[in-house]
PDB file of N, CA and C in Angstrom:
ATOM      1  N   MET A   1     116.942  42.925  39.251  1.00  0.00           N
ATOM      2  CA  MET A   1     116.784  43.494  37.913  1.00  0.00           C
ATOM      3  C   MET A   1     118.157  43.575  37.257  1.00  0.00           C
ATOM      4  N   SER A   2     118.231  43.116  36.038  1.00  0.00           N
ATOM      5  CA  SER A   2     119.482  43.103  35.302  1.00  0.00           C
ATOM      6  C   SER A   2     119.895  44.520  34.916  1.00  0.00           C
ATOM      7  N   THR A   3     121.186  44.778  35.045  1.00  0.00           N
ATOM      8  CA  THR A   3     121.684  46.084  34.619  1.00  0.00           C
ATOM      9  C   THR A   3     122.341  45.998  33.251  1.00  0.00           C
ATOM     10  N   GLU A   4     122.365  44.780  32.673  1.00  0.00           N
ATOM     11  CA  GLU A   4     122.915  44.604  31.332  1.00  0.00           C
ATOM     12  C   GLU A   4     121.982  45.260  30.323  1.00  0.00           C
ATOM     13  N   PRO A   5     122.536  45.902  29.300  1.00  0.00           N
ATOM     14  CA  PRO A   5     121.680  46.514  28.293  1.00  0.00           C
ATOM     15  C   PRO A   5     120.880  45.458  27.535  1.00  0.00           C
ATOM     16  N   VAL A   6     119.645  45.778  27.276  1.00  0.00           N
ATOM     17  CA  VAL A   6     118.798  44.915  26.464  1.00  0.00           C
ATOM     18  C   VAL A   6     119.166  45.171  25.010  1.00  0.00           C
ATOM     19  N   PRO A   7     119.504  44.113  24.246  1.00  0.00           N
ATOM     20  CA  PRO A   7     119.839  44.339  22.840  1.00  0.00           C
ATOM     21  C   PRO A   7     118.632  44.862  22.067  1.00  0.00           C
ATOM     22  N   LEU A   8     118.859  45.855  21.246  1.00  0.00           N
ATOM     23  CA  LEU A   8     117.773  46.464  20.478  1.00  0.00           C
ATOM     24  C   LEU A   8     117.703  45.930  19.057  1.00  0.00           C
ATOM     25  N   THR A   9     118.691  45.136  18.665  1.00  0.00           N
ATOM     26  CA  THR A   9     118.681  44.553  17.333  1.00  0.00           C
ATOM     27  C   THR A   9     118.759  43.042  17.452  1.00  0.00           C
ATOM     28  N   GLY A  10     118.449  42.364  16.380  1.00  0.00           N
ATOM     29  CA  GLY A  10     118.481  40.911  16.381  1.00  0.00           C
ATOM     30  C   GLY A  10     117.141  40.355  16.802  1.00  0.00           C
ATOM     31  N   GLY A  11     116.962  39.073  16.613  1.00  0.00           N
ATOM     32  CA  GLY A  11     115.697  38.449  16.981  1.00  0.00           C
ATOM     33  C   GLY A  11     114.639  38.660  15.925  1.00  0.00           C
ATOM     34  N   LYS A  12     113.489  38.091  16.181  1.00  0.00           N
ATOM     35  CA  LYS A  12     112.360  38.174  15.254  1.00  0.00           C
ATOM     36  C   LYS A  12     111.802  39.597  15.212  1.00  0.00           C
ATOM     37  N   SER A  13     111.514  40.088  14.024  1.00  0.00           N
ATOM     38  CA  SER A  13     110.953  41.426  13.871  1.00  0.00           C
ATOM     39  C   SER A  13     109.488  41.440  14.291  1.00  0.00           C
ATOM     40  N   VAL A  14     109.112  42.464  15.025  1.00  0.00           N
ATOM     41  CA  VAL A  14     107.737  42.620  15.466  1.00  0.00           C
ATOM     42  C   VAL A  14     107.120  43.847  14.803  1.00  0.00           C
ATOM     43  N   TYR A  15     107.857  44.935  14.748  1.00  0.00           N
ATOM     44  CA  TYR A  15     107.360  46.178  14.176  1.00  0.00           C
ATOM     45  C   TYR A  15     108.241  46.567  12.998  1.00  0.00           C
ATOM     46  N   CYS A  16     107.635  47.150  11.991  1.00  0.00           N
ATOM     47  CA  CYS A  16     108.384  47.612  10.839  1.00  0.00           C
ATOM     48  C   CYS A  16     108.183  49.126  10.721  1.00  0.00           C
ATOM     49  N   ILE A  17     109.284  49.837  10.707  1.00  0.00           N
ATOM     50  CA  ILE A  17     109.242  51.286  10.519  1.00  0.00           C
ATOM     51  C   ILE A  17     109.985  51.556   9.220  1.00  0.00           C
ATOM     52  N   ASN A  18     109.283  52.119   8.245  1.00  0.00           N
ATOM     53  CA  ASN A  18     109.956  52.346   6.967  1.00  0.00           C
ATOM     54  C   ASN A  18     110.739  53.650   6.985  1.00  0.00           C
ATOM     55  N   GLU A  19     111.580  53.824   5.967  1.00  0.00           N
ATOM     56  CA  GLU A  19     112.453  54.994   5.902  1.00  0.00           C
ATOM     57  C   GLU A  19     111.664  56.300   5.863  1.00  0.00           C
ATOM     58  N   PHE A  20     110.545  56.304   5.165  1.00  0.00           N
ATOM     59  CA  PHE A  20     109.723  57.514   5.079  1.00  0.00           C
ATOM     60  C   PHE A  20     109.209  57.912   6.472  1.00  0.00           C
ATOM     61  N   GLN A  21     108.698  56.920   7.215  1.00  0.00           N
ATOM     62  CA  GLN A  21     108.194  57.194   8.568  1.00  0.00           C
ATOM     63  C   GLN A  21     109.303  57.742   9.455  1.00  0.00           C
ATOM     64  N   LEU A  22     110.487  57.139   9.370  1.00  0.00           N
ATOM     65  CA  LEU A  22     111.609  57.582  10.192  1.00  0.00           C
ATOM     66  C   LEU A  22     112.032  58.999   9.821  1.00  0.00           C
ATOM     67  N   LYS A  23     112.082  59.277   8.523  1.00  0.00           N
ATOM     68  CA  LYS A  23     112.439  60.623   8.064  1.00  0.00           C
ATOM     69  C   LYS A  23     111.425  61.649   8.553  1.00  0.00           C
ATOM     70  N   GLN A  24     110.134  61.322   8.442  1.00  0.00           N
ATOM     71  CA  GLN A  24     109.084  62.225   8.914  1.00  0.00           C
ATOM     72  C   GLN A  24     109.192  62.457  10.424  1.00  0.00           C
ATOM     73  N   ALA A  25     109.506  61.415  11.154  1.00  0.00           N
ATOM     74  CA  ALA A  25     109.647  61.547  12.605  1.00  0.00           C
ATOM     75  C   ALA A  25     110.807  62.488  12.950  1.00  0.00           C
ATOM     76  N   PHE A  26     111.933  62.325  12.268  1.00  0.00           N
ATOM     77  CA  PHE A  26     113.075  63.208  12.529  1.00  0.00           C
ATOM     78  C   PHE A  26     112.767  64.642  12.128  1.00  0.00           C
ATOM     79  N   THR A  27     112.040  64.821  11.035  1.00  0.00           N
ATOM     80  CA  THR A  27     111.658  66.169  10.613  1.00  0.00           C
ATOM     81  C   THR A  27     110.757  66.813  11.660  1.00  0.00           C
ATOM     82  N   LEU A  28     109.773  66.088  12.142  1.00  0.00           N
ATOM     83  CA  LEU A  28     108.871  66.617  13.162  1.00  0.00           C
ATOM     84  C   LEU A  28     109.649  66.947  14.439  1.00  0.00           C
ATOM     85  N   ALA A  29     110.578  66.068  14.808  1.00  0.00           N
ATOM     86  CA  ALA A  29     111.335  66.255  16.045  1.00  0.00           C
ATOM     87  C   ALA A  29     112.406  67.336  15.936  1.00  0.00           C
ATOM     88  N   SER A  30     112.842  67.637  14.709  1.00  0.00           N
ATOM     89  CA  SER A  30     113.947  68.589  14.558  1.00  0.00           C
ATOM     90  C   SER A  30     113.570  69.917  13.925  1.00  0.00           C
ATOM     91  N   ASP A  31     112.602  69.895  13.016  1.00  0.00           N
ATOM     92  CA  ASP A  31     112.349  71.084  12.202  1.00  0.00           C
ATOM     93  C   ASP A  31     110.996  71.748  12.394  1.00  0.00           C
ATOM     94  N   ASP A  32     110.028  71.039  12.925  1.00  0.00           N
ATOM     95  CA  ASP A  32     108.695  71.615  13.067  1.00  0.00           C
ATOM     96  C   ASP A  32     108.695  72.654  14.184  1.00  0.00           C
ATOM     97  N   PRO A  33     108.285  73.889  13.883  1.00  0.00           N
ATOM     98  CA  PRO A  33     108.371  74.955  14.886  1.00  0.00           C
ATOM     99  C   PRO A  33     107.524  74.720  16.135  1.00  0.00           C
ATOM    100  N   GLU A  34     106.415  74.015  16.005  1.00  0.00           N
ATOM    101  CA  GLU A  34     105.565  73.775  17.169  1.00  0.00           C
ATOM    102  C   GLU A  34     105.934  72.481  17.895  1.00  0.00           C
ATOM    103  N   SER A  35     106.123  71.430  17.147  1.00  0.00           N
ATOM    104  CA  SER A  35     106.353  70.115  17.747  1.00  0.00           C
ATOM    105  C   SER A  35     107.790  69.886  18.209  1.00  0.00           C
ATOM    106  N   SER A  36     108.739  70.378  17.455  1.00  0.00           N
ATOM    107  CA  SER A  36     110.147  70.110  17.769  1.00  0.00           C
ATOM    108  C   SER A  36     110.551  70.486  19.199  1.00  0.00           C
ATOM    109  N   PRO A  37     110.230  71.684  19.678  1.00  0.00           N
ATOM    110  CA  PRO A  37     110.631  72.010  21.059  1.00  0.00           C
ATOM    111  C   PRO A  37     110.018  71.074  22.100  1.00  0.00           C
ATOM    112  N   LYS A  38     108.767  70.685  21.907  1.00  0.00           N
ATOM    113  CA  LYS A  38     108.112  69.770  22.850  1.00  0.00           C
ATOM    114  C   LYS A  38     108.779  68.403  22.822  1.00  0.00           C
ATOM    115  N   ILE A  39     109.022  67.908  21.607  1.00  0.00           N
ATOM    116  CA  ILE A  39     109.646  66.591  21.465  1.00  0.00           C
ATOM    117  C   ILE A  39     111.054  66.608  22.033  1.00  0.00           C
ATOM    118  N   GLN A  40     111.822  67.610  21.698  1.00  0.00           N
ATOM    119  CA  GLN A  40     113.202  67.694  22.199  1.00  0.00           C
ATOM    120  C   GLN A  40     113.241  67.787  23.723  1.00  0.00           C
ATOM    121  N   ARG A  41     112.308  68.509  24.298  1.00  0.00           N
ATOM    122  CA  ARG A  41     112.232  68.633  25.761  1.00  0.00           C
ATOM    123  C   ARG A  41     111.985  67.264  26.402  1.00  0.00           C
ATOM    124  N   LYS A  42     111.062  66.506  25.847  1.00  0.00           N
ATOM    125  CA  LYS A  42     110.747  65.180  26.405  1.00  0.00           C
ATOM    126  C   LYS A  42     111.898  64.199  26.191  1.00  0.00           C
ATOM    127  N   ILE A  43     112.543  64.253  25.029  1.00  0.00           N
ATOM    128  CA  ILE A  43     113.693  63.382  24.783  1.00  0.00           C
ATOM    129  C   ILE A  43     114.790  63.667  25.800  1.00  0.00           C
ATOM    130  N   LYS A  44     115.063  64.932  26.035  1.00  0.00           N
ATOM    131  CA  LYS A  44     116.092  65.301  27.011  1.00  0.00           C
ATOM    132  C   LYS A  44     115.722  64.784  28.398  1.00  0.00           C
ATOM    133  N   GLU A  45     114.459  64.949  28.774  1.00  0.00           N
ATOM    134  CA  GLU A  45     113.982  64.472  30.076  1.00  0.00           C
ATOM    135  C   GLU A  45     114.138  62.950  30.187  1.00  0.00           C
ATOM    136  N   LEU A  46     113.761  62.235  29.147  1.00  0.00           N
ATOM    137  CA  LEU A  46     113.899  60.780  29.154  1.00  0.00           C
ATOM    138  C   LEU A  46     115.357  60.366  29.281  1.00  0.00           C
ATOM    139  N   GLU A  47     116.231  61.026  28.521  1.00  0.00           N
ATOM    140  CA  GLU A  47     117.648  60.669  28.555  1.00  0.00           C
ATOM    141  C   GLU A  47     118.289  60.993  29.895  1.00  0.00           C
ATOM    142  N   GLU A  48     117.804  62.016  30.556  1.00  0.00           N
ATOM    143  CA  GLU A  48     118.365  62.394  31.861  1.00  0.00           C
ATOM    144  C   GLU A  48     117.831  61.547  33.008  1.00  0.00           C
ATOM    145  N   ASN A  49     116.612  61.053  32.893  1.00  0.00           N
ATOM    146  CA  ASN A  49     115.953  60.401  34.022  1.00  0.00           C
ATOM    147  C   ASN A  49     115.772  58.892  33.904  1.00  0.00           C
ATOM    148  N   PHE A  50     116.054  58.320  32.732  1.00  0.00           N
ATOM    149  CA  PHE A  50     115.843  56.896  32.523  1.00  0.00           C
ATOM    150  C   PHE A  50     117.086  56.265  31.926  1.00  0.00           C
ATOM    151  N   ASN A  51     117.398  55.046  32.369  1.00  0.00           N
ATOM    152  CA  ASN A  51     118.547  54.360  31.783  1.00  0.00           C
ATOM    153  C   ASN A  51     118.178  53.831  30.400  1.00  0.00           C
ATOM    154  N   ARG A  52     119.161  53.233  29.725  1.00  0.00           N
ATOM    155  CA  ARG A  52     118.972  52.777  28.353  1.00  0.00           C
ATOM    156  C   ARG A  52     117.830  51.766  28.243  1.00  0.00           C
ATOM    157  N   ASN A  53     117.768  50.819  29.141  1.00  0.00           N
ATOM    158  CA  ASN A  53     116.707  49.809  29.095  1.00  0.00           C
ATOM    159  C   ASN A  53     115.340  50.434  29.322  1.00  0.00           C
ATOM    160  N   GLU A  54     115.252  51.380  30.237  1.00  0.00           N
ATOM    161  CA  GLU A  54     113.976  52.053  30.494  1.00  0.00           C
ATOM    162  C   GLU A  54     113.545  52.871  29.283  1.00  0.00           C
ATOM    163  N   GLN A  55     114.511  53.544  28.638  1.00  0.00           N
ATOM    164  CA  GLN A  55     114.196  54.303  27.428  1.00  0.00           C
ATOM    165  C   GLN A  55     113.681  53.385  26.327  1.00  0.00           C
ATOM    166  N   ALA A  56     114.319  52.230  26.157  1.00  0.00           N
ATOM    167  CA  ALA A  56     113.878  51.275  25.140  1.00  0.00           C
ATOM    168  C   ALA A  56     112.474  50.769  25.462  1.00  0.00           C
ATOM    169  N   ALA A  57     112.220  50.481  26.738  1.00  0.00           N
ATOM    170  CA  ALA A  57     110.887  49.999  27.133  1.00  0.00           C
ATOM    171  C   ALA A  57     109.828  51.047  26.820  1.00  0.00           C
ATOM    172  N   ILE A  58     110.119  52.290  27.131  1.00  0.00           N
ATOM    173  CA  ILE A  58     109.172  53.377  26.850  1.00  0.00           C
ATOM    174  C   ILE A  58     108.910  53.472  25.349  1.00  0.00           C
ATOM    175  N   ALA A  59     109.975  53.421  24.545  1.00  0.00           N
ATOM    176  CA  ALA A  59     109.822  53.522  23.091  1.00  0.00           C
ATOM    177  C   ALA A  59     108.954  52.391  22.546  1.00  0.00           C
ATOM    178  N   PHE A  60     109.228  51.157  22.977  1.00  0.00           N
ATOM    179  CA  PHE A  60     108.477  50.018  22.461  1.00  0.00           C
ATOM    180  C   PHE A  60     107.018  50.051  22.919  1.00  0.00           C
ATOM    181  N   VAL A  61     106.789  50.440  24.148  1.00  0.00           N
ATOM    182  CA  VAL A  61     105.414  50.492  24.654  1.00  0.00           C
ATOM    183  C   VAL A  61     104.622  51.581  23.928  1.00  0.00           C
ATOM    184  N   ILE A  62     105.240  52.723  23.678  1.00  0.00           N
ATOM    185  CA  ILE A  62     104.560  53.800  22.947  1.00  0.00           C
ATOM    186  C   ILE A  62     104.217  53.341  21.528  1.00  0.00           C
ATOM    187  N   ILE A  63     105.167  52.700  20.837  1.00  0.00           N
ATOM    188  CA  ILE A  63     104.890  52.210  19.485  1.00  0.00           C
ATOM    189  C   ILE A  63     103.747  51.203  19.511  1.00  0.00           C
ATOM    190  N   ASP A  64     103.783  50.275  20.470  1.00  0.00           N
ATOM    191  CA  ASP A  64     102.725  49.272  20.568  1.00  0.00           C
ATOM    192  C   ASP A  64     101.368  49.918  20.834  1.00  0.00           C
ATOM    193  N   ARG A  65     101.333  50.875  21.728  1.00  0.00           N
ATOM    194  CA  ARG A  65     100.062  51.555  22.028  1.00  0.00           C
ATOM    195  C   ARG A  65      99.534  52.315  20.823  1.00  0.00           C
ATOM    196  N   LEU A  66     100.432  52.954  20.073  1.00  0.00           N
ATOM    197  CA  LEU A  66     100.006  53.670  18.871  1.00  0.00           C
ATOM    198  C   LEU A  66      99.422  52.706  17.844  1.00  0.00           C
ATOM    199  N   LEU A  67     100.050  51.559  17.696  1.00  0.00           N
ATOM    200  CA  LEU A  67      99.546  50.566  16.741  1.00  0.00           C
ATOM    201  C   LEU A  67      98.202  49.989  17.160  1.00  0.00           C
ATOM    202  N   ASN A  68      97.981  49.892  18.460  1.00  0.00           N
ATOM    203  CA  ASN A  68      96.763  49.255  18.960  1.00  0.00           C
ATOM    204  C   ASN A  68      95.639  50.231  19.304  1.00  0.00           C
ATOM    205  N   THR A  69      95.883  51.511  19.138  1.00  0.00           N
ATOM    206  CA  THR A  69      94.851  52.501  19.431  1.00  0.00           C
ATOM    207  C   THR A  69      94.636  53.422  18.237  1.00  0.00           C
ATOM    208  N   VAL A  70      94.595  52.823  17.061  1.00  0.00           N
ATOM    209  CA  VAL A  70      94.378  53.608  15.844  1.00  0.00           C
ATOM    210  C   VAL A  70      93.013  54.270  15.947  1.00  0.00           C
ATOM    211  N   LYS A  71      93.022  55.587  15.797  1.00  0.00           N
ATOM    212  CA  LYS A  71      91.771  56.342  15.871  1.00  0.00           C
ATOM    213  C   LYS A  71      90.963  56.089  14.603  1.00  0.00           C
ATOM    214  N   LYS A  72      89.741  55.676  14.797  1.00  0.00           N
ATOM    215  CA  LYS A  72      88.857  55.413  13.661  1.00  0.00           C
ATOM    216  C   LYS A  72      88.296  56.727  13.130  1.00  0.00           C
ATOM    217  N   PRO A  73      88.244  56.858  11.803  1.00  0.00           N
ATOM    218  CA  PRO A  73      87.701  58.098  11.230  1.00  0.00           C
ATOM    219  C   PRO A  73      86.255  58.291  11.598  1.00  0.00           C
ATOM    220  N   GLU A  74      85.914  59.546  11.870  1.00  0.00           N
ATOM    221  CA  GLU A  74      84.513  59.871  12.189  1.00  0.00           C
ATOM    222  C   GLU A  74      83.710  59.955  10.904  1.00  0.00           C
ATOM    223  N   ILE A  75      82.503  59.466  10.968  1.00  0.00           N
ATOM    224  CA  ILE A  75      81.641  59.475   9.783  1.00  0.00           C
ATOM    225  C   ILE A  75      80.625  60.576   9.896  1.00  0.00           C
TER     226      ILE A  75
END
């Protein structure tokens, strides 16, 4: 297994995250009284227990799963 960092920029774009989405994510992770502590706890755990490549893999897999498991509205 390579220990070289996987580049996170460059190459063909697969996912697009707009500025509004990114801002909302940071607000939820930093300012929301209920969600922020949970998110910060998991981020700290990930940073302490996973290397950079593993963290990137987790991030990309989570984004992909979210895109592919869109909850359909109940009628």
